[in-house]
Amino acid sequence: MSDMCRTCKAPTQWVRTKTGKAMPVDAEPTVKGNLRLELDGETVSVIPPEERLEGELLFLSHFATCPDSEEWRR
């Protein structure tokens, strides 16, 4: 599901970690990403660099790119 960050207005999407926590990720994949979305598009897996497929684009947590991330950390 596509959304928008409430503070920086960047396009994001909400996904669930394997432990069930909600986490915002940037809407577009990047070569710098480390999160693979599962087929349902809602669960993320952290991918170590050695397991990345050549040329694979992965997603980044929006906390890593949001200029306002400190406002949202608990």
PDB file of N, CA and C in Angstrom:
ATOM      1  N   MET A   1       0.847  -1.172   0.000  1.00  0.00           N
ATOM      2  CA  MET A   1       0.000   0.000   0.000  1.00  0.00           C
ATOM      3  C   MET A   1       0.892   1.234   0.000  1.00  0.00           C
ATOM      4  N   SER A   2       0.718   2.110  -0.948  1.00  0.00           N
ATOM      5  CA  SER A   2       1.523   3.314  -1.066  1.00  0.00           C
ATOM      6  C   SER A   2       0.954   4.408  -0.180  1.00  0.00           C
ATOM      7  N   ASP A   3       1.837   5.193   0.412  1.00  0.00           N
ATOM      8  CA  ASP A   3       1.451   6.222   1.356  1.00  0.00           C
ATOM      9  C   ASP A   3       2.421   7.381   1.213  1.00  0.00           C
ATOM     10  N   MET A   4       2.402   8.308   2.169  1.00  0.00           N
ATOM     11  CA  MET A   4       3.286   9.448   2.158  1.00  0.00           C
ATOM     12  C   MET A   4       3.733   9.713   3.596  1.00  0.00           C
ATOM     13  N   CYS A   5       5.013  10.008   3.791  1.00  0.00           N
ATOM     14  CA  CYS A   5       5.525  10.342   5.120  1.00  0.00           C
ATOM     15  C   CYS A   5       4.826  11.608   5.605  1.00  0.00           C
ATOM     16  N   ARG A   6       4.370  11.592   6.844  1.00  0.00           N
ATOM     17  CA  ARG A   6       3.633  12.739   7.372  1.00  0.00           C
ATOM     18  C   ARG A   6       4.505  13.977   7.575  1.00  0.00           C
ATOM     19  N   THR A   7       5.821  13.812   7.683  1.00  0.00           N
ATOM     20  CA  THR A   7       6.646  14.996   7.896  1.00  0.00           C
ATOM     21  C   THR A   7       7.402  15.434   6.647  1.00  0.00           C
ATOM     22  N   CYS A   8       8.095  14.528   5.963  1.00  0.00           N
ATOM     23  CA  CYS A   8       8.885  14.950   4.799  1.00  0.00           C
ATOM     24  C   CYS A   8       8.117  14.805   3.481  1.00  0.00           C
ATOM     25  N   LYS A   9       6.955  14.157   3.533  1.00  0.00           N
ATOM     26  CA  LYS A   9       6.065  13.993   2.358  1.00  0.00           C
ATOM     27  C   LYS A   9       6.617  13.073   1.273  1.00  0.00           C
ATOM     28  N   ALA A  10       7.662  12.313   1.568  1.00  0.00           N
ATOM     29  CA  ALA A  10       8.207  11.361   0.592  1.00  0.00           C
ATOM     30  C   ALA A  10       7.255  10.183   0.421  1.00  0.00           C
ATOM     31  N   PRO A  11       7.190   9.593  -0.772  1.00  0.00           N
ATOM     32  CA  PRO A  11       6.362   8.407  -0.970  1.00  0.00           C
ATOM     33  C   PRO A  11       6.929   7.223  -0.180  1.00  0.00           C
ATOM     34  N   THR A  12       6.068   6.559   0.559  1.00  0.00           N
ATOM     35  CA  THR A  12       6.471   5.409   1.372  1.00  0.00           C
ATOM     36  C   THR A  12       5.429   4.318   1.232  1.00  0.00           C
ATOM     37  N   GLN A  13       5.739   3.178   1.803  1.00  0.00           N
ATOM     38  CA  GLN A  13       4.746   2.120   1.944  1.00  0.00           C
ATOM     39  C   GLN A  13       4.979   1.463   3.292  1.00  0.00           C
ATOM     40  N   TRP A  14       3.924   0.959   3.876  1.00  0.00           N
ATOM     41  CA  TRP A  14       4.009   0.306   5.175  1.00  0.00           C
ATOM     42  C   TRP A  14       4.066  -1.195   4.965  1.00  0.00           C
ATOM     43  N   VAL A  15       5.008  -1.811   5.670  1.00  0.00           N
ATOM     44  CA  VAL A  15       5.176  -3.255   5.597  1.00  0.00           C
ATOM     45  C   VAL A  15       5.253  -3.799   7.021  1.00  0.00           C
ATOM     46  N   ARG A  16       5.227  -5.110   7.150  1.00  0.00           N
ATOM     47  CA  ARG A  16       5.359  -5.758   8.463  1.00  0.00           C
ATOM     48  C   ARG A  16       6.675  -6.517   8.500  1.00  0.00           C
ATOM     49  N   THR A  17       7.348  -6.409   9.638  1.00  0.00           N
ATOM     50  CA  THR A  17       8.546  -7.217   9.832  1.00  0.00           C
ATOM     51  C   THR A  17       8.095  -8.637  10.134  1.00  0.00           C
ATOM     52  N   LYS A  18       9.027  -9.559  10.160  1.00  0.00           N
ATOM     53  CA  LYS A  18       8.661 -10.949  10.457  1.00  0.00           C
ATOM     54  C   LYS A  18       8.120 -11.105  11.869  1.00  0.00           C
ATOM     55  N   THR A  19       8.426 -10.134  12.755  1.00  0.00           N
ATOM     56  CA  THR A  19       7.885 -10.178  14.118  1.00  0.00           C
ATOM     57  C   THR A  19       6.538  -9.471  14.222  1.00  0.00           C
ATOM     58  N   GLY A  20       6.037  -8.944  13.100  1.00  0.00           N
ATOM     59  CA  GLY A  20       4.713  -8.334  13.075  1.00  0.00           C
ATOM     60  C   GLY A  20       4.668  -6.831  13.285  1.00  0.00           C
ATOM     61  N   LYS A  21       5.817  -6.184  13.462  1.00  0.00           N
ATOM     62  CA  LYS A  21       5.835  -4.733  13.658  1.00  0.00           C
ATOM     63  C   LYS A  21       5.666  -4.017  12.326  1.00  0.00           C
ATOM     64  N   ALA A  22       4.937  -2.906  12.351  1.00  0.00           N
ATOM     65  CA  ALA A  22       4.771  -2.082  11.157  1.00  0.00           C
ATOM     66  C   ALA A  22       6.017  -1.226  10.965  1.00  0.00           C
ATOM     67  N   MET A  23       6.459  -1.079   9.700  1.00  0.00           N
ATOM     68  CA  MET A  23       7.649  -0.300   9.404  1.00  0.00           C
ATOM     69  C   MET A  23       7.462   0.417   8.074  1.00  0.00           C
ATOM     70  N   PRO A  24       7.785   1.721   8.030  1.00  0.00           N
ATOM     71  CA  PRO A  24       7.708   2.431   6.750  1.00  0.00           C
ATOM     72  C   PRO A  24       8.961   2.168   5.926  1.00  0.00           C
ATOM     73  N   VAL A  25       8.790   1.923   4.644  1.00  0.00           N
ATOM     74  CA  VAL A  25       9.918   1.787   3.728  1.00  0.00           C
ATOM     75  C   VAL A  25       9.711   2.757   2.576  1.00  0.00           C
ATOM     76  N   ASP A  26      10.823   3.181   1.977  1.00  0.00           N
ATOM     77  CA  ASP A  26      10.718   4.046   0.807  1.00  0.00           C
ATOM     78  C   ASP A  26       9.948   3.306  -0.278  1.00  0.00           C
ATOM     79  N   ALA A  27       9.153   4.037  -1.032  1.00  0.00           N
ATOM     80  CA  ALA A  27       8.261   3.421  -2.013  1.00  0.00           C
ATOM     81  C   ALA A  27       9.001   2.771  -3.170  1.00  0.00           C
ATOM     82  N   GLU A  28      10.177   3.301  -3.528  1.00  0.00           N
ATOM     83  CA  GLU A  28      10.912   2.784  -4.678  1.00  0.00           C
ATOM     84  C   GLU A  28      12.154   2.009  -4.230  1.00  0.00           C
ATOM     85  N   PRO A  29      12.452   0.893  -4.880  1.00  0.00           N
ATOM     86  CA  PRO A  29      13.667   0.141  -4.552  1.00  0.00           C
ATOM     87  C   PRO A  29      14.911   0.880  -5.041  1.00  0.00           C
ATOM     88  N   THR A  30      16.060   0.504  -4.489  1.00  0.00           N
ATOM     89  CA  THR A  30      17.325   1.149  -4.833  1.00  0.00           C
ATOM     90  C   THR A  30      18.469   0.135  -4.732  1.00  0.00           C
ATOM     91  N   VAL A  31      19.571   0.426  -5.385  1.00  0.00           N
ATOM     92  CA  VAL A  31      20.736  -0.448  -5.282  1.00  0.00           C
ATOM     93  C   VAL A  31      21.334  -0.397  -3.882  1.00  0.00           C
ATOM     94  N   LYS A  32      21.022   0.625  -3.089  1.00  0.00           N
ATOM     95  CA  LYS A  32      21.523   0.750  -1.726  1.00  0.00           C
ATOM     96  C   LYS A  32      20.626   0.044  -0.710  1.00  0.00           C
ATOM     97  N   GLY A  33      19.508  -0.504  -1.168  1.00  0.00           N
ATOM     98  CA  GLY A  33      18.549  -1.118  -0.261  1.00  0.00           C
ATOM     99  C   GLY A  33      19.052  -2.403   0.372  1.00  0.00           C
ATOM    100  N   ASN A  34      18.385  -2.802   1.465  1.00  0.00           N
ATOM    101  CA  ASN A  34      18.723  -4.058   2.129  1.00  0.00           C
ATOM    102  C   ASN A  34      17.483  -4.819   2.582  1.00  0.00           C
ATOM    103  N   LEU A  35      16.328  -4.417   2.076  1.00  0.00           N
ATOM    104  CA  LEU A  35      15.081  -5.070   2.455  1.00  0.00           C
ATOM    105  C   LEU A  35      14.400  -5.658   1.230  1.00  0.00           C
ATOM    106  N   ARG A  36      14.116  -6.931   1.288  1.00  0.00           N
ATOM    107  CA  ARG A  36      13.398  -7.593   0.202  1.00  0.00           C
ATOM    108  C   ARG A  36      11.949  -7.747   0.641  1.00  0.00           C
ATOM    109  N   LEU A  37      11.021  -7.280  -0.178  1.00  0.00           N
ATOM    110  CA  LEU A  37       9.603  -7.461   0.116  1.00  0.00           C
ATOM    111  C   LEU A  37       9.197  -8.851  -0.339  1.00  0.00           C
ATOM    112  N   GLU A  38       8.480  -9.552   0.508  1.00  0.00           N
ATOM    113  CA  GLU A  38       7.992 -10.881   0.151  1.00  0.00           C
ATOM    114  C   GLU A  38       6.897 -10.745  -0.898  1.00  0.00           C
ATOM    115  N   LEU A  39       6.479 -11.838  -1.472  1.00  0.00           N
ATOM    116  CA  LEU A  39       5.521 -11.811  -2.575  1.00  0.00           C
ATOM    117  C   LEU A  39       4.218 -11.113  -2.230  1.00  0.00           C
ATOM    118  N   ASP A  40       3.805 -11.195  -0.960  1.00  0.00           N
ATOM    119  CA  ASP A  40       2.556 -10.525  -0.603  1.00  0.00           C
ATOM    120  C   ASP A  40       2.732  -9.009  -0.545  1.00  0.00           C
ATOM    121  N   GLY A  41       4.002  -8.525  -0.639  1.00  0.00           N
ATOM    122  CA  GLY A  41       4.265  -7.104  -0.652  1.00  0.00           C
ATOM    123  C   GLY A  41       4.116  -6.445   0.700  1.00  0.00           C
ATOM    124  N   GLU A  42       3.976  -7.240   1.755  1.00  0.00           N
ATOM    125  CA  GLU A  42       3.743  -6.646   3.063  1.00  0.00           C
ATOM    126  C   GLU A  42       4.729  -7.103   4.130  1.00  0.00           C
ATOM    127  N   THR A  43       5.532  -8.100   3.871  1.00  0.00           N
ATOM    128  CA  THR A  43       6.485  -8.591   4.852  1.00  0.00           C
ATOM    129  C   THR A  43       7.887  -8.342   4.333  1.00  0.00           C
ATOM    130  N   VAL A  44       8.800  -7.894   5.208  1.00  0.00           N
ATOM    131  CA  VAL A  44      10.161  -7.615   4.771  1.00  0.00           C
ATOM    132  C   VAL A  44      11.147  -8.607   5.361  1.00  0.00           C
ATOM    133  N   SER A  45      12.207  -8.838   4.634  1.00  0.00           N
ATOM    134  CA  SER A  45      13.334  -9.638   5.091  1.00  0.00           C
ATOM    135  C   SER A  45      14.583  -8.798   4.875  1.00  0.00           C
ATOM    136  N   VAL A  46      15.451  -8.722   5.869  1.00  0.00           N
ATOM    137  CA  VAL A  46      16.721  -8.023   5.707  1.00  0.00           C
ATOM    138  C   VAL A  46      17.661  -8.960   4.960  1.00  0.00           C
ATOM    139  N   ILE A  47      18.284  -8.443   3.918  1.00  0.00           N
ATOM    140  CA  ILE A  47      19.144  -9.257   3.053  1.00  0.00           C
ATOM    141  C   ILE A  47      20.604  -8.856   3.265  1.00  0.00           C
ATOM    142  N   PRO A  48      21.427  -9.765   3.779  1.00  0.00           N
ATOM    143  CA  PRO A  48      22.859  -9.457   3.911  1.00  0.00           C
ATOM    144  C   PRO A  48      23.469  -9.274   2.519  1.00  0.00           C
ATOM    145  N   PRO A  49      24.512  -8.430   2.419  1.00  0.00           N
ATOM    146  CA  PRO A  49      25.120  -8.162   1.106  1.00  0.00           C
ATOM    147  C   PRO A  49      25.512  -9.419   0.348  1.00  0.00           C
ATOM    148  N   GLU A  50      25.988 -10.446   1.040  1.00  0.00           N
ATOM    149  CA  GLU A  50      26.427 -11.661   0.339  1.00  0.00           C
ATOM    150  C   GLU A  50      25.266 -12.473  -0.230  1.00  0.00           C
ATOM    151  N   GLU A  51      24.042 -12.181   0.183  1.00  0.00           N
ATOM    152  CA  GLU A  51      22.876 -12.897  -0.339  1.00  0.00           C
ATOM    153  C   GLU A  51      22.119 -12.124  -1.413  1.00  0.00           C
ATOM    154  N   ARG A  52      22.553 -10.919  -1.681  1.00  0.00           N
ATOM    155  CA  ARG A  52      21.891 -10.100  -2.700  1.00  0.00           C
ATOM    156  C   ARG A  52      22.147 -10.688  -4.079  1.00  0.00           C
ATOM    157  N   LEU A  53      21.113 -10.739  -4.871  1.00  0.00           N
ATOM    158  CA  LEU A  53      21.245 -11.200  -6.251  1.00  0.00           C
ATOM    159  C   LEU A  53      21.873 -10.085  -7.081  1.00  0.00           C
ATOM    160  N   GLU A  54      22.677 -10.441  -8.052  1.00  0.00           N
ATOM    161  CA  GLU A  54      23.341  -9.432  -8.872  1.00  0.00           C
ATOM    162  C   GLU A  54      22.316  -8.512  -9.528  1.00  0.00           C
ATOM    163  N   GLY A  55      22.495  -7.214  -9.342  1.00  0.00           N
ATOM    164  CA  GLY A  55      21.608  -6.224  -9.934  1.00  0.00           C
ATOM    165  C   GLY A  55      20.261  -6.070  -9.240  1.00  0.00           C
ATOM    166  N   GLU A  56      20.060  -6.803  -8.150  1.00  0.00           N
ATOM    167  CA  GLU A  56      18.768  -6.752  -7.464  1.00  0.00           C
ATOM    168  C   GLU A  56      18.558  -5.393  -6.788  1.00  0.00           C
ATOM    169  N   LEU A  57      17.390  -4.817  -6.991  1.00  0.00           N
ATOM    170  CA  LEU A  57      17.006  -3.584  -6.323  1.00  0.00           C
ATOM    171  C   LEU A  57      16.190  -3.957  -5.092  1.00  0.00           C
ATOM    172  N   LEU A  58      16.602  -3.428  -3.955  1.00  0.00           N
ATOM    173  CA  LEU A  58      15.910  -3.707  -2.704  1.00  0.00           C
ATOM    174  C   LEU A  58      15.407  -2.398  -2.110  1.00  0.00           C
ATOM    175  N   PHE A  59      14.640  -2.503  -1.060  1.00  0.00           N
ATOM    176  CA  PHE A  59      14.044  -1.331  -0.440  1.00  0.00           C
ATOM    177  C   PHE A  59      14.836  -0.905   0.787  1.00  0.00           C
ATOM    178  N   LEU A  60      14.683   0.370   1.175  1.00  0.00           N
ATOM    179  CA  LEU A  60      15.303   0.908   2.381  1.00  0.00           C
ATOM    180  C   LEU A  60      14.225   1.298   3.378  1.00  0.00           C
ATOM    181  N   SER A  61      14.513   1.109   4.651  1.00  0.00           N
ATOM    182  CA  SER A  61      13.637   1.620   5.683  1.00  0.00           C
ATOM    183  C   SER A  61      13.562   3.136   5.519  1.00  0.00           C
ATOM    184  N   HIS A  62      12.386   3.699   5.649  1.00  0.00           N
ATOM    185  CA  HIS A  62      12.272   5.145   5.515  1.00  0.00           C
ATOM    186  C   HIS A  62      12.984   5.855   6.668  1.00  0.00           C
ATOM    187  N   PHE A  63      13.197   5.175   7.788  1.00  0.00           N
ATOM    188  CA  PHE A  63      13.958   5.776   8.880  1.00  0.00           C
ATOM    189  C   PHE A  63      15.385   6.088   8.453  1.00  0.00           C
ATOM    190  N   ALA A  64      15.910   5.372   7.474  1.00  0.00           N
ATOM    191  CA  ALA A  64      17.274   5.594   6.995  1.00  0.00           C
ATOM    192  C   ALA A  64      17.380   6.803   6.075  1.00  0.00           C
ATOM    193  N   THR A  65      16.271   7.229   5.485  1.00  0.00           N
ATOM    194  CA  THR A  65      16.329   8.316   4.502  1.00  0.00           C
ATOM    195  C   THR A  65      15.539   9.554   4.901  1.00  0.00           C
ATOM    196  N   CYS A  66      14.664   9.455   5.873  1.00  0.00           N
ATOM    197  CA  CYS A  66      13.814  10.584   6.257  1.00  0.00           C
ATOM    198  C   CYS A  66      14.616  11.615   7.055  1.00  0.00           C
ATOM    199  N   PRO A  67      14.598  12.875   6.631  1.00  0.00           N
ATOM    200  CA  PRO A  67      15.312  13.908   7.389  1.00  0.00           C
ATOM    201  C   PRO A  67      14.679  14.153   8.762  1.00  0.00           C
ATOM    202  N   ASP A  68      13.466  13.697   8.956  1.00  0.00           N
ATOM    203  CA  ASP A  68      12.741  13.898  10.220  1.00  0.00           C
ATOM    204  C   ASP A  68      12.622  12.627  11.046  1.00  0.00           C
ATOM    205  N   SER A  69      13.472  11.634  10.777  1.00  0.00           N
ATOM    206  CA  SER A  69      13.306  10.324  11.409  1.00  0.00           C
ATOM    207  C   SER A  69      13.387  10.366  12.934  1.00  0.00           C
ATOM    208  N   GLU A  70      14.162  11.271  13.491  1.00  0.00           N
ATOM    209  CA  GLU A  70      14.286  11.330  14.959  1.00  0.00           C
ATOM    210  C   GLU A  70      12.936  11.630  15.630  1.00  0.00           C
ATOM    211  N   GLU A  71      12.065  12.346  14.924  1.00  0.00           N
ATOM    212  CA  GLU A  71      10.735  12.643  15.459  1.00  0.00           C
ATOM    213  C   GLU A  71       9.897  11.382  15.662  1.00  0.00           C
ATOM    214  N   TRP A  72      10.196  10.349  14.892  1.00  0.00           N
ATOM    215  CA  TRP A  72       9.365   9.144  14.894  1.00  0.00           C
ATOM    216  C   TRP A  72       9.948   7.984  15.695  1.00  0.00           C
ATOM    217  N   ARG A  73      11.193   8.104  16.102  1.00  0.00           N
ATOM    218  CA  ARG A  73      11.811   7.005  16.875  1.00  0.00           C
ATOM    219  C   ARG A  73      11.260   6.985  18.289  1.00  0.00           C
ATOM    220  N   ARG A  74      11.103   5.779  18.811  1.00  0.00           N
ATOM    221  CA  ARG A  74      10.574   5.634  20.180  1.00  0.00           C
ATOM    222  C   ARG A  74      11.710   5.567  21.165  1.00  0.00           C
TER     223      ARG A  74
END
